[in-house]
């Protein structure tokens, strides 16, 4: 499992991030405070506090392609 923080500042960022995440078969969770949501759920992401960094947990050992696609959001 790999963890890193991302910043999703706008509606467009969230929409683009969800489109990227949905390309991959492995599970990806987002954590903000005590809340954990599925990164493939746009409604789940909008329930988080987007003004703060969001922790991403990638549940796969082969995450390099995913990491490369979301590198613009990584803090």
C-alpha atoms as a PDB file:
ATOM      1  CA  UNK A   1       0.000   0.000   0.000  1.00  0.00           C
ATOM      2  CA  UNK A   2       1.203   3.498  -0.862  1.00  0.00           C
ATOM      3  CA  UNK A   3       0.030   6.710   0.811  1.00  0.00           C
ATOM      4  CA  UNK A   4       0.444  10.336  -0.193  1.00  0.00           C
ATOM      5  CA  UNK A   5      -1.452  13.641   0.103  1.00  0.00           C
ATOM      6  CA  UNK A   6      -3.343  15.433  -2.642  1.00  0.00           C
ATOM      7  CA  UNK A   7      -5.060  18.779  -3.009  1.00  0.00           C
ATOM      8  CA  UNK A   8      -8.372  19.008  -4.873  1.00  0.00           C
ATOM      9  CA  UNK A   9      -9.214  22.710  -4.953  1.00  0.00           C
ATOM     10  CA  UNK A  10     -11.997  22.905  -7.549  1.00  0.00           C
ATOM     11  CA  UNK A  11     -14.952  20.977  -8.928  1.00  0.00           C
ATOM     12  CA  UNK A  12     -12.933  20.358 -12.085  1.00  0.00           C
ATOM     13  CA  UNK A  13     -10.057  18.911 -10.031  1.00  0.00           C
ATOM     14  CA  UNK A  14     -12.442  16.483  -8.303  1.00  0.00           C
ATOM     15  CA  UNK A  15     -14.086  15.442 -11.579  1.00  0.00           C
ATOM     16  CA  UNK A  16     -10.730  14.888 -13.319  1.00  0.00           C
ATOM     17  CA  UNK A  17      -9.315  13.012 -10.296  1.00  0.00           C
ATOM     18  CA  UNK A  18     -12.338  10.650 -10.183  1.00  0.00           C
ATOM     19  CA  UNK A  19     -12.019   9.998 -13.935  1.00  0.00           C
ATOM     20  CA  UNK A  20      -8.356   9.030 -13.445  1.00  0.00           C
ATOM     21  CA  UNK A  21      -9.098   6.823 -10.412  1.00  0.00           C
ATOM     22  CA  UNK A  22     -11.847   4.948 -12.265  1.00  0.00           C
ATOM     23  CA  UNK A  23      -9.316   3.746 -14.879  1.00  0.00           C
ATOM     24  CA  UNK A  24      -7.682   1.483 -12.282  1.00  0.00           C
ATOM     25  CA  UNK A  25      -8.973  -1.831 -10.893  1.00  0.00           C
ATOM     26  CA  UNK A  26      -7.423  -1.611  -7.426  1.00  0.00           C
ATOM     27  CA  UNK A  27      -9.004   0.087  -4.413  1.00  0.00           C
ATOM     28  CA  UNK A  28      -8.110   3.673  -3.581  1.00  0.00           C
ATOM     29  CA  UNK A  29      -9.333   5.389  -0.409  1.00  0.00           C
ATOM     30  CA  UNK A  30      -9.315   9.061   0.544  1.00  0.00           C
ATOM     31  CA  UNK A  31      -9.009  10.121   4.183  1.00  0.00           C
ATOM     32  CA  UNK A  32      -9.799  13.529   5.634  1.00  0.00           C
ATOM     33  CA  UNK A  33      -9.835  13.702   9.420  1.00  0.00           C
ATOM     34  CA  UNK A  34     -11.776  10.684  10.624  1.00  0.00           C
ATOM     35  CA  UNK A  35     -13.675  10.185   7.357  1.00  0.00           C
ATOM     36  CA  UNK A  36     -12.644   7.617   4.748  1.00  0.00           C
ATOM     37  CA  UNK A  37     -14.326   7.455   1.337  1.00  0.00           C
ATOM     38  CA  UNK A  38     -13.862   5.498  -1.867  1.00  0.00           C
ATOM     39  CA  UNK A  39     -11.849   7.631  -4.315  1.00  0.00           C
ATOM     40  CA  UNK A  40     -14.097   6.395  -7.140  1.00  0.00           C
ATOM     41  CA  UNK A  41     -17.108   8.127  -5.537  1.00  0.00           C
ATOM     42  CA  UNK A  42     -17.501  11.738  -6.606  1.00  0.00           C
ATOM     43  CA  UNK A  43     -20.203  12.269  -3.978  1.00  0.00           C
ATOM     44  CA  UNK A  44     -17.939  10.777  -1.315  1.00  0.00           C
ATOM     45  CA  UNK A  45     -15.149  13.185  -2.228  1.00  0.00           C
ATOM     46  CA  UNK A  46     -17.477  16.182  -2.037  1.00  0.00           C
ATOM     47  CA  UNK A  47     -18.397  15.124   1.513  1.00  0.00           C
ATOM     48  CA  UNK A  48     -14.772  15.718   2.580  1.00  0.00           C
ATOM     49  CA  UNK A  49     -13.185  18.999   3.662  1.00  0.00           C
ATOM     50  CA  UNK A  50     -11.484  19.961   0.394  1.00  0.00           C
ATOM     51  CA  UNK A  51      -9.809  23.005   1.931  1.00  0.00           C
ATOM     52  CA  UNK A  52      -7.260  20.703   3.584  1.00  0.00           C
ATOM     53  CA  UNK A  53      -4.869  18.098   2.110  1.00  0.00           C
ATOM     54  CA  UNK A  54      -6.486  14.708   1.557  1.00  0.00           C
ATOM     55  CA  UNK A  55      -4.613  11.469   2.233  1.00  0.00           C
ATOM     56  CA  UNK A  56      -4.707   8.913  -0.589  1.00  0.00           C
ATOM     57  CA  UNK A  57      -4.248   5.197   0.213  1.00  0.00           C
ATOM     58  CA  UNK A  58      -3.554   3.060  -2.857  1.00  0.00           C
ATOM     59  CA  UNK A  59      -4.200  -0.631  -2.145  1.00  0.00           C
ATOM     60  CA  UNK A  60      -1.848  -2.071  -4.739  1.00  0.00           C
ATOM     61  CA  UNK A  61       1.858  -2.671  -5.170  1.00  0.00           C
ATOM     62  CA  UNK A  62       1.693  -1.701  -8.858  1.00  0.00           C
ATOM     63  CA  UNK A  63       0.637   1.919  -8.502  1.00  0.00           C
ATOM     64  CA  UNK A  64       3.280   3.664 -10.654  1.00  0.00           C
ATOM     65  CA  UNK A  65       0.902   4.379 -13.571  1.00  0.00           C
ATOM     66  CA  UNK A  66      -1.689   5.802 -11.186  1.00  0.00           C
ATOM     67  CA  UNK A  67       0.920   7.904  -9.380  1.00  0.00           C
ATOM     68  CA  UNK A  68       2.118   9.320 -12.693  1.00  0.00           C
ATOM     69  CA  UNK A  69      -1.416  10.308 -13.740  1.00  0.00           C
ATOM     70  CA  UNK A  70      -2.262  12.097 -10.463  1.00  0.00           C
ATOM     71  CA  UNK A  71       1.128  13.750  -9.889  1.00  0.00           C
ATOM     72  CA  UNK A  72      -0.348  17.202 -10.620  1.00  0.00           C
ATOM     73  CA  UNK A  73      -2.550  16.874  -7.513  1.00  0.00           C
ATOM     74  CA  UNK A  74       0.143  15.519  -5.175  1.00  0.00           C
ATOM     75  CA  UNK A  75       1.472  17.843  -2.480  1.00  0.00           C
END
